[in-house]
């Protein structure tokens, strides 16, 4: 199964979740959940899974779990859909 890795910059406690462009060479994603009790990470996983059309279990944070800068791996896709 193919996979892609994506470097993201996460902004928790946003008004609503969505793509916010680029930040320091990474895709900036606003997440409505707070960065408490892993809530923002779980919402990020759900957001990316929904956008890429894969189950949540195929999206993993493989680096930066406690940081705003994260490395995410998405299995089951060979390229990412447009972020528009």
PDB file of N, CA and C in Angstrom:
ATOM      1  N   UNK A   1       0.848  -1.171   0.000  1.00  0.00           N
ATOM      2  CA  UNK A   1       0.000   0.000   0.000  1.00  0.00           C
ATOM      3  C   UNK A   1       0.900   1.242   0.000  1.00  0.00           C
ATOM      4  N   UNK A   2       0.546   2.218  -0.790  1.00  0.00           N
ATOM      5  CA  UNK A   2       1.340   3.435  -0.875  1.00  0.00           C
ATOM      6  C   UNK A   2       0.946   4.400   0.241  1.00  0.00           C
ATOM      7  N   UNK A   3       1.865   5.323   0.528  1.00  0.00           N
ATOM      8  CA  UNK A   3       1.588   6.326   1.557  1.00  0.00           C
ATOM      9  C   UNK A   3       2.334   7.606   1.217  1.00  0.00           C
ATOM     10  N   UNK A   4       1.898   8.684   1.830  1.00  0.00           N
ATOM     11  CA  UNK A   4       2.566   9.973   1.682  1.00  0.00           C
ATOM     12  C   UNK A   4       2.839  10.532   3.068  1.00  0.00           C
ATOM     13  N   UNK A   5       3.886  11.336   3.149  1.00  0.00           N
ATOM     14  CA  UNK A   5       4.197  12.042   4.395  1.00  0.00           C
ATOM     15  C   UNK A   5       4.000  13.520   4.159  1.00  0.00           C
ATOM     16  N   UNK A   6       3.478  14.174   5.166  1.00  0.00           N
ATOM     17  CA  UNK A   6       3.103  15.568   5.050  1.00  0.00           C
ATOM     18  C   UNK A   6       3.582  16.317   6.286  1.00  0.00           C
ATOM     19  N   UNK A   7       4.301  17.423   6.065  1.00  0.00           N
ATOM     20  CA  UNK A   7       4.716  18.278   7.168  1.00  0.00           C
ATOM     21  C   UNK A   7       3.656  19.353   7.350  1.00  0.00           C
ATOM     22  N   UNK A   8       3.126  19.464   8.557  1.00  0.00           N
ATOM     23  CA  UNK A   8       2.058  20.427   8.818  1.00  0.00           C
ATOM     24  C   UNK A   8       2.419  21.307  10.007  1.00  0.00           C
ATOM     25  N   UNK A   9       1.817  22.484  10.026  1.00  0.00           N
ATOM     26  CA  UNK A   9       1.872  23.386  11.161  1.00  0.00           C
ATOM     27  C   UNK A   9       0.438  23.532  11.642  1.00  0.00           C
ATOM     28  N   UNK A  10       0.179  23.190  12.890  1.00  0.00           N
ATOM     29  CA  UNK A  10      -1.181  23.149  13.418  1.00  0.00           C
ATOM     30  C   UNK A  10      -1.435  24.352  14.316  1.00  0.00           C
ATOM     31  N   UNK A  11      -2.575  25.006  14.094  1.00  0.00           N
ATOM     32  CA  UNK A  11      -3.022  26.099  14.961  1.00  0.00           C
ATOM     33  C   UNK A  11      -4.275  25.621  15.684  1.00  0.00           C
ATOM     34  N   UNK A  12      -4.145  25.238  16.962  1.00  0.00           N
ATOM     35  CA  UNK A  12      -5.316  24.777  17.714  1.00  0.00           C
ATOM     36  C   UNK A  12      -6.207  25.935  18.149  1.00  0.00           C
ATOM     37  N   UNK A  13      -7.402  25.592  18.614  1.00  0.00           N
ATOM     38  CA  UNK A  13      -8.405  26.552  19.107  1.00  0.00           C
ATOM     39  C   UNK A  13      -8.832  27.579  18.056  1.00  0.00           C
ATOM     40  N   UNK A  14      -8.905  27.163  16.807  1.00  0.00           N
ATOM     41  CA  UNK A  14      -9.394  28.040  15.747  1.00  0.00           C
ATOM     42  C   UNK A  14     -10.922  28.076  15.800  1.00  0.00           C
ATOM     43  N   UNK A  15     -11.506  29.041  15.129  1.00  0.00           N
ATOM     44  CA  UNK A  15     -12.956  29.129  15.066  1.00  0.00           C
ATOM     45  C   UNK A  15     -13.545  27.883  14.411  1.00  0.00           C
ATOM     46  N   UNK A  16     -12.901  27.423  13.341  1.00  0.00           N
ATOM     47  CA  UNK A  16     -13.304  26.175  12.680  1.00  0.00           C
ATOM     48  C   UNK A  16     -12.081  25.554  12.033  1.00  0.00           C
ATOM     49  N   UNK A  17     -12.122  24.266  11.803  1.00  0.00           N
ATOM     50  CA  UNK A  17     -10.993  23.560  11.217  1.00  0.00           C
ATOM     51  C   UNK A  17     -10.939  23.802   9.716  1.00  0.00           C
ATOM     52  N   UNK A  18      -9.722  23.923   9.184  1.00  0.00           N
ATOM     53  CA  UNK A  18      -9.555  24.119   7.755  1.00  0.00           C
ATOM     54  C   UNK A  18      -8.115  24.419   7.395  1.00  0.00           C
ATOM     55  N   UNK A  19      -7.859  24.463   6.109  1.00  0.00           N
ATOM     56  CA  UNK A  19      -6.534  24.779   5.577  1.00  0.00           C
ATOM     57  C   UNK A  19      -6.346  26.288   5.605  1.00  0.00           C
ATOM     58  N   UNK A  20      -5.161  26.731   6.034  1.00  0.00           N
ATOM     59  CA  UNK A  20      -4.896  28.163   6.152  1.00  0.00           C
ATOM     60  C   UNK A  20      -3.677  28.587   5.342  1.00  0.00           C
ATOM     61  N   UNK A  21      -3.303  27.815   4.330  1.00  0.00           N
ATOM     62  CA  UNK A  21      -2.162  28.183   3.489  1.00  0.00           C
ATOM     63  C   UNK A  21      -0.875  27.525   3.952  1.00  0.00           C
ATOM     64  N   UNK A  22       0.234  28.251   3.793  1.00  0.00           N
ATOM     65  CA  UNK A  22       1.543  27.726   4.147  1.00  0.00           C
ATOM     66  C   UNK A  22       2.124  28.535   5.299  1.00  0.00           C
ATOM     67  N   UNK A  23       2.959  27.875   6.102  1.00  0.00           N
ATOM     68  CA  UNK A  23       3.658  28.528   7.207  1.00  0.00           C
ATOM     69  C   UNK A  23       5.041  27.892   7.307  1.00  0.00           C
ATOM     70  N   UNK A  24       6.065  28.668   7.005  1.00  0.00           N
ATOM     71  CA  UNK A  24       7.450  28.200   7.132  1.00  0.00           C
ATOM     72  C   UNK A  24       7.689  26.895   6.359  1.00  0.00           C
ATOM     73  N   UNK A  25       7.152  26.808   5.146  1.00  0.00           N
ATOM     74  CA  UNK A  25       7.353  25.640   4.301  1.00  0.00           C
ATOM     75  C   UNK A  25       6.469  24.449   4.627  1.00  0.00           C
ATOM     76  N   UNK A  26       5.544  24.610   5.531  1.00  0.00           N
ATOM     77  CA  UNK A  26       4.630  23.526   5.916  1.00  0.00           C
ATOM     78  C   UNK A  26       3.191  23.952   5.645  1.00  0.00           C
ATOM     79  N   UNK A  27       2.340  22.968   5.440  1.00  0.00           N
ATOM     80  CA  UNK A  27       0.920  23.248   5.262  1.00  0.00           C
ATOM     81  C   UNK A  27       0.341  23.654   6.615  1.00  0.00           C
ATOM     82  N   UNK A  28      -0.297  24.825   6.680  1.00  0.00           N
ATOM     83  CA  UNK A  28      -0.887  25.296   7.937  1.00  0.00           C
ATOM     84  C   UNK A  28      -2.334  24.843   7.998  1.00  0.00           C
ATOM     85  N   UNK A  29      -2.681  24.171   9.088  1.00  0.00           N
ATOM     86  CA  UNK A  29      -4.033  23.670   9.285  1.00  0.00           C
ATOM     87  C   UNK A  29      -4.560  24.221  10.604  1.00  0.00           C
ATOM     88  N   UNK A  30      -5.698  24.887  10.527  1.00  0.00           N
ATOM     89  CA  UNK A  30      -6.362  25.374  11.732  1.00  0.00           C
ATOM     90  C   UNK A  30      -7.272  24.262  12.248  1.00  0.00           C
ATOM     91  N   UNK A  31      -7.204  24.031  13.549  1.00  0.00           N
ATOM     92  CA  UNK A  31      -7.989  22.984  14.185  1.00  0.00           C
ATOM     93  C   UNK A  31      -8.843  23.614  15.282  1.00  0.00           C
ATOM     94  N   UNK A  32     -10.131  23.314  15.309  1.00  0.00           N
ATOM     95  CA  UNK A  32     -11.040  23.912  16.283  1.00  0.00           C
ATOM     96  C   UNK A  32     -10.808  23.395  17.697  1.00  0.00           C
ATOM     97  N   UNK A  33     -10.296  22.208  17.837  1.00  0.00           N
ATOM     98  CA  UNK A  33     -10.100  21.614  19.166  1.00  0.00           C
ATOM     99  C   UNK A  33      -8.905  22.251  19.882  1.00  0.00           C
ATOM    100  N   UNK A  34      -8.949  22.272  21.199  1.00  0.00           N
ATOM    101  CA  UNK A  34      -7.807  22.784  21.964  1.00  0.00           C
ATOM    102  C   UNK A  34      -6.687  21.746  22.017  1.00  0.00           C
ATOM    103  N   UNK A  35      -5.492  22.206  22.305  1.00  0.00           N
ATOM    104  CA  UNK A  35      -4.338  21.309  22.420  1.00  0.00           C
ATOM    105  C   UNK A  35      -4.261  20.735  23.836  1.00  0.00           C
ATOM    106  N   UNK A  36      -5.337  20.110  24.260  1.00  0.00           N
ATOM    107  CA  UNK A  36      -5.427  19.535  25.597  1.00  0.00           C
ATOM    108  C   UNK A  36      -5.907  18.091  25.464  1.00  0.00           C
ATOM    109  N   UNK A  37      -5.281  17.189  26.219  1.00  0.00           N
ATOM    110  CA  UNK A  37      -5.695  15.777  26.225  1.00  0.00           C
ATOM    111  C   UNK A  37      -5.745  15.165  24.831  1.00  0.00           C
ATOM    112  N   UNK A  38      -4.824  15.552  23.967  1.00  0.00           N
ATOM    113  CA  UNK A  38      -4.692  14.987  22.613  1.00  0.00           C
ATOM    114  C   UNK A  38      -5.862  15.341  21.692  1.00  0.00           C
ATOM    115  N   UNK A  39      -6.725  16.262  22.091  1.00  0.00           N
ATOM    116  CA  UNK A  39      -7.912  16.601  21.298  1.00  0.00           C
ATOM    117  C   UNK A  39      -7.547  17.177  19.933  1.00  0.00           C
ATOM    118  N   UNK A  40      -6.555  18.062  19.875  1.00  0.00           N
ATOM    119  CA  UNK A  40      -6.172  18.668  18.598  1.00  0.00           C
ATOM    120  C   UNK A  40      -5.583  17.620  17.656  1.00  0.00           C
ATOM    121  N   UNK A  41      -4.773  16.695  18.184  1.00  0.00           N
ATOM    122  CA  UNK A  41      -4.208  15.642  17.340  1.00  0.00           C
ATOM    123  C   UNK A  41      -5.304  14.749  16.767  1.00  0.00           C
ATOM    124  N   UNK A  42      -6.272  14.397  17.593  1.00  0.00           N
ATOM    125  CA  UNK A  42      -7.365  13.545  17.111  1.00  0.00           C
ATOM    126  C   UNK A  42      -8.200  14.253  16.051  1.00  0.00           C
ATOM    127  N   UNK A  43      -8.444  15.541  16.245  1.00  0.00           N
ATOM    128  CA  UNK A  43      -9.199  16.281  15.238  1.00  0.00           C
ATOM    129  C   UNK A  43      -8.389  16.442  13.950  1.00  0.00           C
ATOM    130  N   UNK A  44      -7.078  16.653  14.074  1.00  0.00           N
ATOM    131  CA  UNK A  44      -6.220  16.732  12.889  1.00  0.00           C
ATOM    132  C   UNK A  44      -6.292  15.431  12.093  1.00  0.00           C
ATOM    133  N   UNK A  45      -6.204  14.311  12.771  1.00  0.00           N
ATOM    134  CA  UNK A  45      -6.277  13.007  12.104  1.00  0.00           C
ATOM    135  C   UNK A  45      -7.618  12.858  11.381  1.00  0.00           C
ATOM    136  N   UNK A  46      -8.702  13.208  12.049  1.00  0.00           N
ATOM    137  CA  UNK A  46     -10.023  13.119  11.425  1.00  0.00           C
ATOM    138  C   UNK A  46     -10.169  14.055  10.240  1.00  0.00           C
ATOM    139  N   UNK A  47      -9.636  15.262  10.373  1.00  0.00           N
ATOM    140  CA  UNK A  47      -9.714  16.237   9.292  1.00  0.00           C
ATOM    141  C   UNK A  47      -8.959  15.736   8.057  1.00  0.00           C
ATOM    142  N   UNK A  48      -7.723  15.271   8.250  1.00  0.00           N
ATOM    143  CA  UNK A  48      -6.921  14.785   7.116  1.00  0.00           C
ATOM    144  C   UNK A  48      -7.526  13.516   6.508  1.00  0.00           C
ATOM    145  N   UNK A  49      -8.041  12.626   7.337  1.00  0.00           N
ATOM    146  CA  UNK A  49      -8.674  11.402   6.824  1.00  0.00           C
ATOM    147  C   UNK A  49      -9.877  11.747   5.950  1.00  0.00           C
ATOM    148  N   UNK A  50     -10.702  12.670   6.417  1.00  0.00           N
ATOM    149  CA  UNK A  50     -11.864  13.084   5.635  1.00  0.00           C
ATOM    150  C   UNK A  50     -11.478  13.747   4.332  1.00  0.00           C
ATOM    151  N   UNK A  51     -10.453  14.582   4.373  1.00  0.00           N
ATOM    152  CA  UNK A  51     -10.024  15.284   3.166  1.00  0.00           C
ATOM    153  C   UNK A  51      -9.433  14.322   2.130  1.00  0.00           C
ATOM    154  N   UNK A  52      -8.705  13.320   2.605  1.00  0.00           N
ATOM    155  CA  UNK A  52      -8.052  12.377   1.696  1.00  0.00           C
ATOM    156  C   UNK A  52      -8.922  11.170   1.361  1.00  0.00           C
ATOM    157  N   UNK A  53     -10.072  11.043   2.020  1.00  0.00           N
ATOM    158  CA  UNK A  53     -10.977   9.939   1.722  1.00  0.00           C
ATOM    159  C   UNK A  53     -10.481   8.585   2.196  1.00  0.00           C
ATOM    160  N   UNK A  54      -9.793   8.567   3.334  1.00  0.00           N
ATOM    161  CA  UNK A  54      -9.303   7.312   3.905  1.00  0.00           C
ATOM    162  C   UNK A  54      -9.840   7.182   5.332  1.00  0.00           C
ATOM    163  N   UNK A  55      -9.866   5.966   5.889  1.00  0.00           N
ATOM    164  CA  UNK A  55     -10.279   5.803   7.280  1.00  0.00           C
ATOM    165  C   UNK A  55      -9.277   6.470   8.226  1.00  0.00           C
ATOM    166  N   UNK A  56      -9.753   6.878   9.389  1.00  0.00           N
ATOM    167  CA  UNK A  56      -8.895   7.536  10.385  1.00  0.00           C
ATOM    168  C   UNK A  56      -7.692   6.668  10.762  1.00  0.00           C
ATOM    169  N   UNK A  57      -7.855   5.357  10.773  1.00  0.00           N
ATOM    170  CA  UNK A  57      -6.763   4.460  11.181  1.00  0.00           C
ATOM    171  C   UNK A  57      -5.575   4.508  10.209  1.00  0.00           C
ATOM    172  N   UNK A  58      -5.776   5.079   9.013  1.00  0.00           N
ATOM    173  CA  UNK A  58      -4.699   5.165   8.025  1.00  0.00           C
ATOM    174  C   UNK A  58      -3.927   6.478   8.110  1.00  0.00           C
ATOM    175  N   UNK A  59      -4.251   7.324   9.069  1.00  0.00           N
ATOM    176  CA  UNK A  59      -3.543   8.592   9.268  1.00  0.00           C
ATOM    177  C   UNK A  59      -2.847   8.523  10.618  1.00  0.00           C
ATOM    178  N   UNK A  60      -1.516   8.739  10.610  1.00  0.00           N
ATOM    179  CA  UNK A  60      -0.739   8.663  11.852  1.00  0.00           C
ATOM    180  C   UNK A  60       0.153   9.882  11.977  1.00  0.00           C
ATOM    181  N   UNK A  61       0.279  10.386  13.186  1.00  0.00           N
ATOM    182  CA  UNK A  61       1.261  11.430  13.474  1.00  0.00           C
ATOM    183  C   UNK A  61       2.538  10.700  13.854  1.00  0.00           C
ATOM    184  N   UNK A  62       3.573  10.828  13.027  1.00  0.00           N
ATOM    185  CA  UNK A  62       4.807  10.078  13.280  1.00  0.00           C
ATOM    186  C   UNK A  62       5.915  10.957  13.843  1.00  0.00           C
ATOM    187  N   UNK A  63       5.654  12.249  13.956  1.00  0.00           N
ATOM    188  CA  UNK A  63       6.640  13.138  14.554  1.00  0.00           C
ATOM    189  C   UNK A  63       5.980  14.411  15.046  1.00  0.00           C
ATOM    190  N   UNK A  64       6.411  14.905  16.191  1.00  0.00           N
ATOM    191  CA  UNK A  64       5.914  16.170  16.707  1.00  0.00           C
ATOM    192  C   UNK A  64       4.551  16.105  17.362  1.00  0.00           C
ATOM    193  N   UNK A  65       4.229  15.019  18.010  1.00  0.00           N
ATOM    194  CA  UNK A  65       2.896  14.849  18.607  1.00  0.00           C
ATOM    195  C   UNK A  65       2.556  15.943  19.615  1.00  0.00           C
ATOM    196  N   UNK A  66       3.552  16.501  20.290  1.00  0.00           N
ATOM    197  CA  UNK A  66       3.286  17.541  21.279  1.00  0.00           C
ATOM    198  C   UNK A  66       3.692  18.924  20.785  1.00  0.00           C
ATOM    199  N   UNK A  67       3.986  19.042  19.509  1.00  0.00           N
ATOM    200  CA  UNK A  67       4.424  20.300  18.917  1.00  0.00           C
ATOM    201  C   UNK A  67       3.393  20.791  17.905  1.00  0.00           C
ATOM    202  N   UNK A  68       3.478  22.062  17.550  1.00  0.00           N
ATOM    203  CA  UNK A  68       2.628  22.565  16.466  1.00  0.00           C
ATOM    204  C   UNK A  68       3.127  22.073  15.109  1.00  0.00           C
ATOM    205  N   UNK A  69       4.401  21.787  15.018  1.00  0.00           N
ATOM    206  CA  UNK A  69       4.996  21.271  13.776  1.00  0.00           C
ATOM    207  C   UNK A  69       4.975  19.751  13.836  1.00  0.00           C
ATOM    208  N   UNK A  70       4.266  19.153  12.901  1.00  0.00           N
ATOM    209  CA  UNK A  70       4.066  17.706  12.934  1.00  0.00           C
ATOM    210  C   UNK A  70       4.423  17.073  11.592  1.00  0.00           C
ATOM    211  N   UNK A  71       4.780  15.808  11.655  1.00  0.00           N
ATOM    212  CA  UNK A  71       4.966  14.999  10.465  1.00  0.00           C
ATOM    213  C   UNK A  71       3.875  13.940  10.492  1.00  0.00           C
ATOM    214  N   UNK A  72       3.073  13.916   9.440  1.00  0.00           N
ATOM    215  CA  UNK A  72       1.914  13.021   9.373  1.00  0.00           C
ATOM    216  C   UNK A  72       2.100  12.068   8.202  1.00  0.00           C
ATOM    217  N   UNK A  73       1.771  10.804   8.410  1.00  0.00           N
ATOM    218  CA  UNK A  73       1.805   9.811   7.339  1.00  0.00           C
ATOM    219  C   UNK A  73       0.378   9.375   7.038  1.00  0.00           C
ATOM    220  N   UNK A  74       0.040   9.372   5.757  1.00  0.00           N
ATOM    221  CA  UNK A  74      -1.297   8.972   5.320  1.00  0.00           C
ATOM    222  C   UNK A  74      -1.135   7.766   4.403  1.00  0.00           C
ATOM    223  N   UNK A  75      -1.656   6.624   4.821  1.00  0.00           N
ATOM    224  CA  UNK A  75      -1.576   5.396   4.028  1.00  0.00           C
ATOM    225  C   UNK A  75      -2.766   5.295   3.081  1.00  0.00           C
ATOM    226  N   UNK A  76      -2.553   4.618   1.966  1.00  0.00           N
ATOM    227  CA  UNK A  76      -3.645   4.372   1.036  1.00  0.00           C
ATOM    228  C   UNK A  76      -3.811   5.433  -0.032  1.00  0.00           C
ATOM    229  N   UNK A  77      -2.904   6.396  -0.076  1.00  0.00           N
ATOM    230  CA  UNK A  77      -2.932   7.409  -1.130  1.00  0.00           C
ATOM    231  C   UNK A  77      -1.543   7.513  -1.730  1.00  0.00           C
ATOM    232  N   UNK A  78      -1.490   7.761  -3.023  1.00  0.00           N
ATOM    233  CA  UNK A  78      -0.185   7.925  -3.672  1.00  0.00           C
ATOM    234  C   UNK A  78       0.136   9.399  -3.868  1.00  0.00           C
ATOM    235  N   UNK A  79      -0.898  10.227  -3.881  1.00  0.00           N
ATOM    236  CA  UNK A  79      -0.699  11.680  -3.927  1.00  0.00           C
ATOM    237  C   UNK A  79      -1.860  12.337  -3.207  1.00  0.00           C
ATOM    238  N   UNK A  80      -1.624  13.541  -2.743  1.00  0.00           N
ATOM    239  CA  UNK A  80      -2.642  14.233  -1.962  1.00  0.00           C
ATOM    240  C   UNK A  80      -3.630  14.947  -2.872  1.00  0.00           C
ATOM    241  N   UNK A  81      -4.895  15.010  -2.455  1.00  0.00           N
ATOM    242  CA  UNK A  81      -5.886  15.794  -3.216  1.00  0.00           C
ATOM    243  C   UNK A  81      -5.585  17.288  -3.074  1.00  0.00           C
ATOM    244  N   UNK A  82      -6.116  18.119  -3.941  1.00  0.00           N
ATOM    245  CA  UNK A  82      -5.887  19.568  -3.825  1.00  0.00           C
ATOM    246  C   UNK A  82      -6.426  20.088  -2.491  1.00  0.00           C
ATOM    247  N   UNK A  83      -5.768  21.104  -1.955  1.00  0.00           N
ATOM    248  CA  UNK A  83      -6.135  21.654  -0.639  1.00  0.00           C
ATOM    249  C   UNK A  83      -7.108  22.797  -0.735  1.00  0.00           C
ATOM    250  N   UNK A  84      -7.792  22.931  -1.807  1.00  0.00           N
ATOM    251  CA  UNK A  84      -8.728  24.046  -1.999  1.00  0.00           C
ATOM    252  C   UNK A  84     -10.081  23.745  -1.423  1.00  0.00           C
TER     253      UNK A  84
END
